[in-house]
Amino acid sequence: MLENLSYQPPEGRPRIPLQPRKTEYWLREFRLRGCFPNVCGNRIKAEISQPVLAAALARSELTISDLHDAGHIKRLHLPEGALLTHYHGQHRLEAAKQHIYPHNEWWAVELYDKGTESHSSTERWDNKCRVQEQDRNIESIPHDDGTVFRFLDAEPDWRTAWRSKDAENDLKAMEKRPALYKGFTSLRPFVGLWASFQKGTLHRYKSLRCDEELIRYLDRIKHVWTSILDGDEELIYNLDPETVELFEGRAPKTSSADRDFITRAIESKSAFPLLYNDVKRLGLLQNVIAIDGMIPSIKTLAKDSLYLEDCTKAMRTLI
């Protein structure tokens, strides 16, 4: 069933967040051509442990030989709460949920062994295979610029995903200024910050020649969001773009309107929608409203750097 499929990145690799334009692409495809879970092009590959597989076969009154018959797909009833991990295809599945759920809840999956058993009834993946599966994303529908930037150092082939020679040249120029480049890469764990990143801004940051100011701004972004999230790696990893959009540019400590807005957003679960622990949620609220000054982000950096650009142009004219 769709609810039993869970996207995770391979060990040591960043997560690819859901990107609206990729989900919309699949929704258009499904509306135009139909959504057929059993079509080869729609199937995904996922891992299953041997205990879960054994329990599912028993519940479904099937044998492993039945699953090996690729020409006749069998419906496998998984134990309650069982999750199968996959490394590619999350946008396709998200679109499927929006398009066919709840009328159809199942999907065709190629199963691979998740465990380390020496004798296995399914093909086993190692982490190299998982990385290769995740990297199938490079050739898929274009990713947003922030996702590509987060993956640049993980796999060189991701550099081609921008499909822009100018962006590649700007990136190379940034890499030759390691302190500035490190300022950007230090924000990679904060997944939700990158939805607003645009590759075109690299040219501006490169041309400003105000590295100290940019680095100070990037450090401020990291410090503020680390403070908001209590330095919790799981919260940092699961920071969503919607929450960032709600908070960025606001000054809750000095503006009662901003403080009330953020309080409502957290209490209504518009912010941090995946956090179900009310105690943690209250703690995050206290962290946010204690932030002194504006809550910065990659988006506010792009906007504020426009003012810096005007200043540098004026100074160069005077000099």
C-alpha atoms as a PDB file:
ATOM      1  CA  MET A   1       0.000   0.000   0.000  1.00  0.00           C
ATOM      2  CA  LEU A   2       1.093   3.579  -0.573  1.00  0.00           C
ATOM      3  CA  GLU A   3       1.143   4.273   3.154  1.00  0.00           C
ATOM      4  CA  ASN A   4       3.714   1.487   3.629  1.00  0.00           C
ATOM      5  CA  LEU A   5       6.294   3.157   1.375  1.00  0.00           C
ATOM      6  CA  SER A   6       8.803   5.486   3.026  1.00  0.00           C
ATOM      7  CA  TYR A   7      11.456   7.574   1.263  1.00  0.00           C
ATOM      8  CA  GLN A   8      14.853   7.754   2.984  1.00  0.00           C
ATOM      9  CA  PRO A   9      18.280   8.851   1.715  1.00  0.00           C
ATOM     10  CA  PRO A  10      21.137   6.326   1.658  1.00  0.00           C
ATOM     11  CA  GLU A  11      23.532   6.441   4.592  1.00  0.00           C
ATOM     12  CA  GLY A  12      25.757   9.506   4.419  1.00  0.00           C
ATOM     13  CA  ARG A  13      23.705  11.207   1.699  1.00  0.00           C
ATOM     14  CA  PRO A  14      21.435  14.270   1.961  1.00  0.00           C
ATOM     15  CA  ARG A  15      17.695  13.882   1.635  1.00  0.00           C
ATOM     16  CA  ILE A  16      15.898  15.071  -1.496  1.00  0.00           C
ATOM     17  CA  PRO A  17      12.836  17.019  -0.278  1.00  0.00           C
ATOM     18  CA  LEU A  18       9.499  16.969  -2.042  1.00  0.00           C
ATOM     19  CA  GLN A  19       9.530  19.664  -4.718  1.00  0.00           C
ATOM     20  CA  PRO A  20       6.145  21.036  -5.843  1.00  0.00           C
ATOM     21  CA  ARG A  21       7.024  21.374  -9.527  1.00  0.00           C
ATOM     22  CA  LYS A  22       8.139  17.730  -9.738  1.00  0.00           C
ATOM     23  CA  THR A  23       4.958  16.572  -8.002  1.00  0.00           C
ATOM     24  CA  GLU A  24       2.903  18.767 -10.349  1.00  0.00           C
ATOM     25  CA  TYR A  25       4.671  17.215 -13.341  1.00  0.00           C
ATOM     26  CA  TRP A  26       3.597  13.737 -12.260  1.00  0.00           C
ATOM     27  CA  LEU A  27       0.058  14.916 -11.529  1.00  0.00           C
ATOM     28  CA  ARG A  28      -0.186  16.275 -15.078  1.00  0.00           C
ATOM     29  CA  GLU A  29       1.173  13.008 -16.453  1.00  0.00           C
ATOM     30  CA  PHE A  30      -1.333  10.954 -14.459  1.00  0.00           C
ATOM     31  CA  ARG A  31      -4.247  13.166 -15.506  1.00  0.00           C
ATOM     32  CA  LEU A  32      -3.203  13.018 -19.149  1.00  0.00           C
ATOM     33  CA  ARG A  33      -2.136   9.388 -19.474  1.00  0.00           C
ATOM     34  CA  GLY A  34      -3.787   7.756 -16.478  1.00  0.00           C
ATOM     35  CA  CYS A  35      -2.241   6.506 -13.255  1.00  0.00           C
ATOM     36  CA  PHE A  36      -1.444   2.804 -13.536  1.00  0.00           C
ATOM     37  CA  PRO A  37       0.628   1.467 -10.607  1.00  0.00           C
ATOM     38  CA  ASN A  38       1.616  -1.725 -12.430  1.00  0.00           C
ATOM     39  CA  VAL A  39       3.133  -0.039 -15.523  1.00  0.00           C
ATOM     40  CA  CYS A  40       6.901  -0.677 -15.568  1.00  0.00           C
ATOM     41  CA  GLY A  41       7.717   3.030 -15.811  1.00  0.00           C
ATOM     42  CA  ASN A  42       5.699   3.758 -12.672  1.00  0.00           C
ATOM     43  CA  ARG A  43       7.075   0.996 -10.474  1.00  0.00           C
ATOM     44  CA  ILE A  44       9.587   1.757  -7.758  1.00  0.00           C
ATOM     45  CA  LYS A  45      12.292  -0.265  -6.017  1.00  0.00           C
ATOM     46  CA  ALA A  46      12.080  -0.716  -2.255  1.00  0.00           C
ATOM     47  CA  GLU A  47      13.755  -2.690   0.517  1.00  0.00           C
ATOM     48  CA  ILE A  48      12.016  -5.228   2.709  1.00  0.00           C
ATOM     49  CA  SER A  49      13.396  -7.193   5.653  1.00  0.00           C
ATOM     50  CA  GLN A  50      13.140 -10.966   5.676  1.00  0.00           C
ATOM     51  CA  PRO A  51      10.867 -11.056   8.795  1.00  0.00           C
ATOM     52  CA  VAL A  52       8.442  -8.554   7.228  1.00  0.00           C
ATOM     53  CA  LEU A  53       8.501 -10.455   3.943  1.00  0.00           C
ATOM     54  CA  ALA A  54       7.768 -13.753   5.692  1.00  0.00           C
ATOM     55  CA  ALA A  55       4.868 -12.231   7.628  1.00  0.00           C
ATOM     56  CA  ALA A  56       3.476 -10.585   4.484  1.00  0.00           C
ATOM     57  CA  LEU A  57       3.639 -13.829   2.501  1.00  0.00           C
ATOM     58  CA  ALA A  58       1.770 -15.628   5.276  1.00  0.00           C
ATOM     59  CA  ARG A  59      -0.911 -12.912   5.492  1.00  0.00           C
ATOM     60  CA  SER A  60      -1.309 -12.927   1.717  1.00  0.00           C
ATOM     61  CA  GLU A  61      -1.262 -16.730   1.366  1.00  0.00           C
ATOM     62  CA  LEU A  62       1.533 -16.462  -1.202  1.00  0.00           C
ATOM     63  CA  THR A  63       4.951 -18.029  -1.715  1.00  0.00           C
ATOM     64  CA  ILE A  64       8.182 -16.379  -2.786  1.00  0.00           C
ATOM     65  CA  SER A  65       7.789 -18.108  -6.158  1.00  0.00           C
ATOM     66  CA  ASP A  66       4.547 -16.212  -6.670  1.00  0.00           C
ATOM     67  CA  LEU A  67       6.442 -12.926  -6.322  1.00  0.00           C
ATOM     68  CA  HIS A  68       9.101 -14.025  -8.805  1.00  0.00           C
ATOM     69  CA  ASP A  69       6.460 -14.279 -11.529  1.00  0.00           C
ATOM     70  CA  ALA A  70       6.983 -10.800 -13.025  1.00  0.00           C
ATOM     71  CA  GLY A  71       4.198 -11.250 -15.540  1.00  0.00           C
ATOM     72  CA  HIS A  72       1.532 -11.628 -12.857  1.00  0.00           C
ATOM     73  CA  ILE A  73       1.765  -9.034 -10.090  1.00  0.00           C
ATOM     74  CA  LYS A  74       0.487 -10.258  -6.730  1.00  0.00           C
ATOM     75  CA  ARG A  75      -0.955  -8.074  -3.995  1.00  0.00           C
ATOM     76  CA  LEU A  76       1.121  -8.378  -0.829  1.00  0.00           C
ATOM     77  CA  HIS A  77      -0.582  -7.541   2.478  1.00  0.00           C
ATOM     78  CA  LEU A  78       2.073  -6.156   4.805  1.00  0.00           C
ATOM     79  CA  PRO A  79       1.947  -6.361   8.608  1.00  0.00           C
ATOM     80  CA  GLU A  80       0.445  -3.314  10.295  1.00  0.00           C
ATOM     81  CA  GLY A  81       2.960  -0.494  10.598  1.00  0.00           C
ATOM     82  CA  ALA A  82       5.519  -2.080   8.263  1.00  0.00           C
ATOM     83  CA  LEU A  83       7.489   0.367   6.132  1.00  0.00           C
ATOM     84  CA  LEU A  84       9.409  -0.366   2.948  1.00  0.00           C
ATOM     85  CA  THR A  85      12.284   2.037   2.279  1.00  0.00           C
ATOM     86  CA  HIS A  86      12.810   3.458  -1.205  1.00  0.00           C
ATOM     87  CA  TYR A  87      15.442   5.885  -2.515  1.00  0.00           C
ATOM     88  CA  HIS A  88      13.855   7.216  -5.692  1.00  0.00           C
ATOM     89  CA  GLY A  89      10.292   7.923  -6.818  1.00  0.00           C
ATOM     90  CA  GLN A  90       8.938   9.987  -3.916  1.00  0.00           C
ATOM     91  CA  HIS A  91       7.418  12.627  -6.215  1.00  0.00           C
ATOM     92  CA  ARG A  92       5.680   9.981  -8.297  1.00  0.00           C
ATOM     93  CA  LEU A  93       4.182   8.445  -5.160  1.00  0.00           C
ATOM     94  CA  GLU A  94       3.152  11.811  -3.717  1.00  0.00           C
ATOM     95  CA  ALA A  95       1.349  12.624  -6.971  1.00  0.00           C
ATOM     96  CA  ALA A  96      -0.258   9.188  -6.930  1.00  0.00           C
ATOM     97  CA  LYS A  97      -1.583   9.805  -3.420  1.00  0.00           C
ATOM     98  CA  GLN A  98      -3.132  13.068  -4.552  1.00  0.00           C
ATOM     99  CA  HIS A  99      -4.500  11.601  -7.787  1.00  0.00           C
ATOM    100  CA  ILE A 100      -5.919   8.210  -6.834  1.00  0.00           C
ATOM    101  CA  TYR A 101      -6.096   8.077  -3.027  1.00  0.00           C
ATOM    102  CA  PRO A 102      -8.346   6.815  -1.433  1.00  0.00           C
ATOM    103  CA  HIS A 103      -9.831   5.069  -4.481  1.00  0.00           C
ATOM    104  CA  ASN A 104      -6.674   3.027  -4.939  1.00  0.00           C
ATOM    105  CA  GLU A 105      -4.078   2.504  -2.221  1.00  0.00           C
ATOM    106  CA  TRP A 106      -1.660  -0.006  -3.735  1.00  0.00           C
ATOM    107  CA  TRP A 107       1.461   0.343  -5.906  1.00  0.00           C
ATOM    108  CA  ALA A 108       3.738  -2.007  -7.838  1.00  0.00           C
ATOM    109  CA  VAL A 109       7.126  -2.429  -6.141  1.00  0.00           C
ATOM    110  CA  GLU A 110      10.284  -4.376  -6.965  1.00  0.00           C
ATOM    111  CA  LEU A 111      11.496  -5.809  -3.655  1.00  0.00           C
ATOM    112  CA  TYR A 112      15.108  -5.961  -2.488  1.00  0.00           C
ATOM    113  CA  ASP A 113      16.522  -7.466   0.685  1.00  0.00           C
ATOM    114  CA  LYS A 114      17.091  -4.942   3.462  1.00  0.00           C
ATOM    115  CA  GLY A 115      18.958  -7.280   5.789  1.00  0.00           C
ATOM    116  CA  THR A 116      22.332  -8.980   5.910  1.00  0.00           C
ATOM    117  CA  GLU A 117      21.203 -12.589   5.858  1.00  0.00           C
ATOM    118  CA  SER A 118      23.472 -14.917   3.912  1.00  0.00           C
ATOM    119  CA  HIS A 119      20.468 -16.739   2.471  1.00  0.00           C
ATOM    120  CA  SER A 120      17.839 -14.446   1.057  1.00  0.00           C
ATOM    121  CA  SER A 121      14.815 -14.895  -1.163  1.00  0.00           C
ATOM    122  CA  THR A 122      15.183 -11.387  -2.643  1.00  0.00           C
ATOM    123  CA  GLU A 123      18.134  -9.577  -4.234  1.00  0.00           C
ATOM    124  CA  ARG A 124      20.189  -7.650  -1.683  1.00  0.00           C
ATOM    125  CA  TRP A 125      21.293  -4.014  -1.963  1.00  0.00           C
ATOM    126  CA  ASP A 126      24.457  -2.539  -0.488  1.00  0.00           C
ATOM    127  CA  ASN A 127      24.845   1.196   0.138  1.00  0.00           C
ATOM    128  CA  LYS A 128      26.471   1.676  -3.273  1.00  0.00           C
ATOM    129  CA  CYS A 129      23.306   0.362  -4.913  1.00  0.00           C
ATOM    130  CA  ARG A 130      21.197   2.666  -2.748  1.00  0.00           C
ATOM    131  CA  VAL A 131      23.274   5.671  -3.816  1.00  0.00           C
ATOM    132  CA  GLN A 132      22.944   4.672  -7.475  1.00  0.00           C
ATOM    133  CA  GLU A 133      19.188   4.435  -7.055  1.00  0.00           C
ATOM    134  CA  GLN A 134      19.009   7.873  -5.440  1.00  0.00           C
ATOM    135  CA  ASP A 135      21.204   9.320  -8.193  1.00  0.00           C
ATOM    136  CA  ARG A 136      18.615   8.332 -10.780  1.00  0.00           C
ATOM    137  CA  ASN A 137      17.122  11.664  -9.715  1.00  0.00           C
ATOM    138  CA  ILE A 138      19.861  13.475 -11.655  1.00  0.00           C
ATOM    139  CA  GLU A 139      18.364  12.490 -14.988  1.00  0.00           C
ATOM    140  CA  SER A 140      14.752  12.900 -13.885  1.00  0.00           C
ATOM    141  CA  ILE A 141      12.582  16.004 -14.154  1.00  0.00           C
ATOM    142  CA  PRO A 142      14.710  19.101 -13.310  1.00  0.00           C
ATOM    143  CA  HIS A 143      15.160  19.690  -9.594  1.00  0.00           C
ATOM    144  CA  ASP A 144      14.925  23.050  -7.916  1.00  0.00           C
ATOM    145  CA  ASP A 145      18.246  24.876  -7.655  1.00  0.00           C
ATOM    146  CA  GLY A 146      18.567  24.418  -3.898  1.00  0.00           C
ATOM    147  CA  THR A 147      18.334  20.635  -4.095  1.00  0.00           C
ATOM    148  CA  VAL A 148      21.072  20.557  -6.740  1.00  0.00           C
ATOM    149  CA  PHE A 149      23.356  22.759  -4.612  1.00  0.00           C
ATOM    150  CA  ARG A 150      22.902  20.501  -1.602  1.00  0.00           C
ATOM    151  CA  PHE A 151      24.065  17.499  -3.653  1.00  0.00           C
ATOM    152  CA  LEU A 152      26.994  19.068  -5.533  1.00  0.00           C
ATOM    153  CA  ASP A 153      29.713  17.688  -3.272  1.00  0.00           C
ATOM    154  CA  ALA A 154      27.995  14.352  -2.716  1.00  0.00           C
ATOM    155  CA  GLU A 155      28.073  13.354  -6.381  1.00  0.00           C
ATOM    156  CA  PRO A 156      29.868  15.298  -9.184  1.00  0.00           C
ATOM    157  CA  ASP A 157      27.228  14.340 -11.757  1.00  0.00           C
ATOM    158  CA  TRP A 158      24.732  16.578  -9.959  1.00  0.00           C
ATOM    159  CA  ARG A 159      26.608  19.563 -11.413  1.00  0.00           C
ATOM    160  CA  THR A 160      24.982  18.805 -14.752  1.00  0.00           C
ATOM    161  CA  ALA A 161      21.490  18.999 -13.225  1.00  0.00           C
ATOM    162  CA  TRP A 162      21.444  22.805 -13.445  1.00  0.00           C
ATOM    163  CA  ARG A 163      21.897  22.599 -17.214  1.00  0.00           C
ATOM    164  CA  SER A 164      23.552  26.026 -17.190  1.00  0.00           C
ATOM    165  CA  LYS A 165      27.132  26.826 -18.186  1.00  0.00           C
ATOM    166  CA  ASP A 166      26.903  30.253 -16.553  1.00  0.00           C
ATOM    167  CA  ALA A 167      25.835  28.709 -13.237  1.00  0.00           C
ATOM    168  CA  GLU A 168      28.678  26.180 -13.429  1.00  0.00           C
ATOM    169  CA  ASN A 169      31.198  28.998 -13.994  1.00  0.00           C
ATOM    170  CA  ASP A 170      29.768  31.024 -11.103  1.00  0.00           C
ATOM    171  CA  LEU A 171      29.968  27.954  -8.881  1.00  0.00           C
ATOM    172  CA  LYS A 172      33.625  27.360  -9.789  1.00  0.00           C
ATOM    173  CA  ALA A 173      34.395  30.980  -8.941  1.00  0.00           C
ATOM    174  CA  MET A 174      32.669  30.594  -5.561  1.00  0.00           C
ATOM    175  CA  GLU A 175      34.615  27.426  -4.805  1.00  0.00           C
ATOM    176  CA  LYS A 176      37.839  29.400  -5.232  1.00  0.00           C
ATOM    177  CA  ARG A 177      36.729  31.498  -2.247  1.00  0.00           C
ATOM    178  CA  PRO A 178      36.561  28.681   0.326  1.00  0.00           C
ATOM    179  CA  ALA A 179      35.365  30.723   3.301  1.00  0.00           C
ATOM    180  CA  LEU A 180      32.364  32.033   1.368  1.00  0.00           C
ATOM    181  CA  TYR A 181      31.625  28.643  -0.175  1.00  0.00           C
ATOM    182  CA  LYS A 182      31.826  27.038   3.282  1.00  0.00           C
ATOM    183  CA  GLY A 183      29.282  29.569   4.536  1.00  0.00           C
ATOM    184  CA  PHE A 184      26.765  28.266   2.009  1.00  0.00           C
ATOM    185  CA  THR A 185      27.599  24.581   2.448  1.00  0.00           C
ATOM    186  CA  SER A 186      27.216  24.876   6.234  1.00  0.00           C
ATOM    187  CA  LEU A 187      23.487  25.435   5.623  1.00  0.00           C
ATOM    188  CA  ARG A 188      23.004  22.212   3.657  1.00  0.00           C
ATOM    189  CA  PRO A 189      21.603  20.242   6.626  1.00  0.00           C
ATOM    190  CA  PHE A 190      18.733  22.770   6.941  1.00  0.00           C
ATOM    191  CA  VAL A 191      16.722  21.262   4.094  1.00  0.00           C
ATOM    192  CA  GLY A 192      13.805  23.702   4.248  1.00  0.00           C
ATOM    193  CA  LEU A 193      16.014  26.753   3.751  1.00  0.00           C
ATOM    194  CA  TRP A 194      16.962  25.733   0.222  1.00  0.00           C
ATOM    195  CA  ALA A 195      13.572  25.820  -1.496  1.00  0.00           C
ATOM    196  CA  SER A 196      14.021  29.523  -2.302  1.00  0.00           C
ATOM    197  CA  PHE A 197      17.633  29.285  -3.508  1.00  0.00           C
ATOM    198  CA  GLN A 198      18.179  30.374  -7.123  1.00  0.00           C
ATOM    199  CA  LYS A 199      21.365  29.572  -9.032  1.00  0.00           C
ATOM    200  CA  GLY A 200      21.292  33.036 -10.628  1.00  0.00           C
ATOM    201  CA  THR A 201      22.138  34.638  -7.270  1.00  0.00           C
ATOM    202  CA  LEU A 202      25.581  32.993  -7.333  1.00  0.00           C
ATOM    203  CA  HIS A 203      26.661  35.504  -9.968  1.00  0.00           C
ATOM    204  CA  ARG A 204      25.656  38.397  -7.719  1.00  0.00           C
ATOM    205  CA  TYR A 205      27.397  36.940  -4.651  1.00  0.00           C
ATOM    206  CA  LYS A 206      30.519  36.308  -6.738  1.00  0.00           C
ATOM    207  CA  SER A 207      30.537  39.812  -8.208  1.00  0.00           C
ATOM    208  CA  LEU A 208      29.878  41.715  -4.976  1.00  0.00           C
ATOM    209  CA  ARG A 209      33.365  41.039  -3.601  1.00  0.00           C
ATOM    210  CA  CYS A 210      31.959  41.575  -0.107  1.00  0.00           C
ATOM    211  CA  ASP A 211      32.759  38.129   1.224  1.00  0.00           C
ATOM    212  CA  GLU A 212      33.001  39.161   4.889  1.00  0.00           C
ATOM    213  CA  GLU A 213      29.500  40.642   4.903  1.00  0.00           C
ATOM    214  CA  LEU A 214      28.025  37.635   3.104  1.00  0.00           C
ATOM    215  CA  ILE A 215      29.795  35.185   5.423  1.00  0.00           C
ATOM    216  CA  ARG A 216      28.528  37.101   8.456  1.00  0.00           C
ATOM    217  CA  TYR A 217      24.980  36.907   7.073  1.00  0.00           C
ATOM    218  CA  LEU A 218      25.300  33.165   6.355  1.00  0.00           C
ATOM    219  CA  ASP A 219      26.649  32.554   9.859  1.00  0.00           C
ATOM    220  CA  ARG A 220      23.696  34.493  11.248  1.00  0.00           C
ATOM    221  CA  ILE A 221      21.258  32.286   9.290  1.00  0.00           C
ATOM    222  CA  LYS A 222      22.876  29.168  10.711  1.00  0.00           C
ATOM    223  CA  HIS A 223      22.980  30.530  14.259  1.00  0.00           C
ATOM    224  CA  VAL A 224      19.336  31.650  14.274  1.00  0.00           C
ATOM    225  CA  TRP A 225      17.909  28.430  12.853  1.00  0.00           C
ATOM    226  CA  THR A 226      20.116  26.298  15.091  1.00  0.00           C
ATOM    227  CA  SER A 227      18.767  28.265  18.067  1.00  0.00           C
ATOM    228  CA  ILE A 228      15.162  27.891  16.897  1.00  0.00           C
ATOM    229  CA  LEU A 229      15.578  24.133  16.461  1.00  0.00           C
ATOM    230  CA  ASP A 230      17.592  23.621  19.663  1.00  0.00           C
ATOM    231  CA  GLY A 231      20.434  22.158  17.625  1.00  0.00           C
ATOM    232  CA  ASP A 232      18.315  18.999  17.239  1.00  0.00           C
ATOM    233  CA  GLU A 233      19.681  17.158  14.178  1.00  0.00           C
ATOM    234  CA  GLU A 234      16.350  15.469  13.461  1.00  0.00           C
ATOM    235  CA  LEU A 235      14.461  18.773  13.543  1.00  0.00           C
ATOM    236  CA  ILE A 236      17.125  20.411  11.363  1.00  0.00           C
ATOM    237  CA  TYR A 237      16.914  17.539   8.894  1.00  0.00           C
ATOM    238  CA  ASN A 238      13.108  17.700   8.762  1.00  0.00           C
ATOM    239  CA  LEU A 239      12.795  21.487   8.582  1.00  0.00           C
ATOM    240  CA  ASP A 240      10.176  22.118   5.897  1.00  0.00           C
ATOM    241  CA  PRO A 241      10.067  25.017   3.388  1.00  0.00           C
ATOM    242  CA  GLU A 242       6.582  26.067   4.506  1.00  0.00           C
ATOM    243  CA  THR A 243       7.785  26.732   8.059  1.00  0.00           C
ATOM    244  CA  VAL A 244      10.758  28.708   6.769  1.00  0.00           C
ATOM    245  CA  GLU A 245       8.443  30.808   4.599  1.00  0.00           C
ATOM    246  CA  LEU A 246       6.205  31.539   7.592  1.00  0.00           C
ATOM    247  CA  PHE A 247       9.103  32.704   9.792  1.00  0.00           C
ATOM    248  CA  GLU A 248      11.619  34.388   7.461  1.00  0.00           C
ATOM    249  CA  GLY A 249      11.821  38.163   7.619  1.00  0.00           C
ATOM    250  CA  ARG A 250       9.828  38.361  10.852  1.00  0.00           C
ATOM    251  CA  ALA A 251      11.082  39.840  14.135  1.00  0.00           C
ATOM    252  CA  PRO A 252       8.986  38.217  16.885  1.00  0.00           C
ATOM    253  CA  LYS A 253      10.894  39.704  19.817  1.00  0.00           C
ATOM    254  CA  THR A 254      10.300  43.301  18.745  1.00  0.00           C
ATOM    255  CA  SER A 255       7.051  43.017  16.764  1.00  0.00           C
ATOM    256  CA  SER A 256       3.914  41.889  18.580  1.00  0.00           C
ATOM    257  CA  ALA A 257       2.208  41.283  15.218  1.00  0.00           C
ATOM    258  CA  ASP A 258       5.007  38.937  14.133  1.00  0.00           C
ATOM    259  CA  ARG A 259       4.999  37.233  17.531  1.00  0.00           C
ATOM    260  CA  ASP A 260       1.237  36.630  17.350  1.00  0.00           C
ATOM    261  CA  PHE A 261       1.503  35.385  13.758  1.00  0.00           C
ATOM    262  CA  ILE A 262       4.232  32.872  14.617  1.00  0.00           C
ATOM    263  CA  THR A 263       2.389  31.740  17.749  1.00  0.00           C
ATOM    264  CA  ARG A 264      -0.744  30.996  15.712  1.00  0.00           C
ATOM    265  CA  ALA A 265       1.294  29.214  13.046  1.00  0.00           C
ATOM    266  CA  ILE A 266       2.929  26.897  15.575  1.00  0.00           C
ATOM    267  CA  GLU A 267      -0.229  26.271  17.602  1.00  0.00           C
ATOM    268  CA  SER A 268      -2.272  25.490  14.469  1.00  0.00           C
ATOM    269  CA  LYS A 269       0.511  23.200  13.183  1.00  0.00           C
ATOM    270  CA  SER A 270       0.891  25.289  10.026  1.00  0.00           C
ATOM    271  CA  ALA A 271       4.504  25.514  11.156  1.00  0.00           C
ATOM    272  CA  PHE A 272       6.376  22.277  11.860  1.00  0.00           C
ATOM    273  CA  PRO A 273       3.474  20.153  10.538  1.00  0.00           C
ATOM    274  CA  LEU A 274       5.404  16.902  11.015  1.00  0.00           C
ATOM    275  CA  LEU A 275       6.148  17.539  14.693  1.00  0.00           C
ATOM    276  CA  TYR A 276       3.531  15.850  16.867  1.00  0.00           C
ATOM    277  CA  ASN A 277       5.215  16.283  20.263  1.00  0.00           C
ATOM    278  CA  ASP A 278       3.350  19.170  21.937  1.00  0.00           C
ATOM    279  CA  VAL A 279       6.095  19.700  24.528  1.00  0.00           C
ATOM    280  CA  LYS A 280       8.706  20.100  21.791  1.00  0.00           C
ATOM    281  CA  ARG A 281       6.351  22.335  19.848  1.00  0.00           C
ATOM    282  CA  LEU A 282       5.965  24.642  22.862  1.00  0.00           C
ATOM    283  CA  GLY A 283       9.734  24.688  23.292  1.00  0.00           C
ATOM    284  CA  LEU A 284      10.217  25.701  19.670  1.00  0.00           C
ATOM    285  CA  LEU A 285       7.698  28.505  20.086  1.00  0.00           C
ATOM    286  CA  GLN A 286       9.694  29.873  23.016  1.00  0.00           C
ATOM    287  CA  ASN A 287      12.878  29.624  20.948  1.00  0.00           C
ATOM    288  CA  VAL A 288      11.400  31.504  17.997  1.00  0.00           C
ATOM    289  CA  ILE A 289       9.911  34.400  19.931  1.00  0.00           C
ATOM    290  CA  ALA A 290      13.223  34.831  21.767  1.00  0.00           C
ATOM    291  CA  ILE A 291      15.114  35.542  18.533  1.00  0.00           C
ATOM    292  CA  ASP A 292      16.559  39.039  18.698  1.00  0.00           C
ATOM    293  CA  GLY A 293      16.209  40.790  15.361  1.00  0.00           C
ATOM    294  CA  MET A 294      14.921  39.518  12.042  1.00  0.00           C
ATOM    295  CA  ILE A 295      14.796  35.798  11.272  1.00  0.00           C
ATOM    296  CA  PRO A 296      17.083  35.470   8.237  1.00  0.00           C
ATOM    297  CA  SER A 297      17.024  32.874   5.486  1.00  0.00           C
ATOM    298  CA  ILE A 298      18.528  32.204   2.070  1.00  0.00           C
ATOM    299  CA  LYS A 299      15.607  34.149   0.594  1.00  0.00           C
ATOM    300  CA  THR A 300      16.196  37.223   2.781  1.00  0.00           C
ATOM    301  CA  LEU A 301      19.912  37.031   1.918  1.00  0.00           C
ATOM    302  CA  ALA A 302      19.064  37.229  -1.778  1.00  0.00           C
ATOM    303  CA  LYS A 303      16.813  40.252  -1.202  1.00  0.00           C
ATOM    304  CA  ASP A 304      19.146  42.073   1.178  1.00  0.00           C
ATOM    305  CA  SER A 305      22.144  41.540  -1.097  1.00  0.00           C
ATOM    306  CA  LEU A 306      20.396  43.717  -3.691  1.00  0.00           C
ATOM    307  CA  TYR A 307      20.931  46.710  -1.383  1.00  0.00           C
ATOM    308  CA  LEU A 308      24.561  45.708  -0.930  1.00  0.00           C
ATOM    309  CA  GLU A 309      24.918  45.479  -4.703  1.00  0.00           C
ATOM    310  CA  ASP A 310      23.715  49.073  -5.108  1.00  0.00           C
ATOM    311  CA  CYS A 311      26.200  50.225  -2.461  1.00  0.00           C
ATOM    312  CA  THR A 312      29.145  48.473  -4.105  1.00  0.00           C
ATOM    313  CA  LYS A 313      28.227  49.945  -7.495  1.00  0.00           C
ATOM    314  CA  ALA A 314      28.151  53.419  -5.958  1.00  0.00           C
ATOM    315  CA  MET A 315      31.527  52.899  -4.261  1.00  0.00           C
ATOM    316  CA  ARG A 316      33.131  51.647  -7.469  1.00  0.00           C
ATOM    317  CA  THR A 317      31.846  54.716  -9.277  1.00  0.00           C
ATOM    318  CA  LEU A 318      33.414  56.979  -6.639  1.00  0.00           C
ATOM    319  CA  ILE A 319      36.691  55.102  -6.660  1.00  0.00           C
END
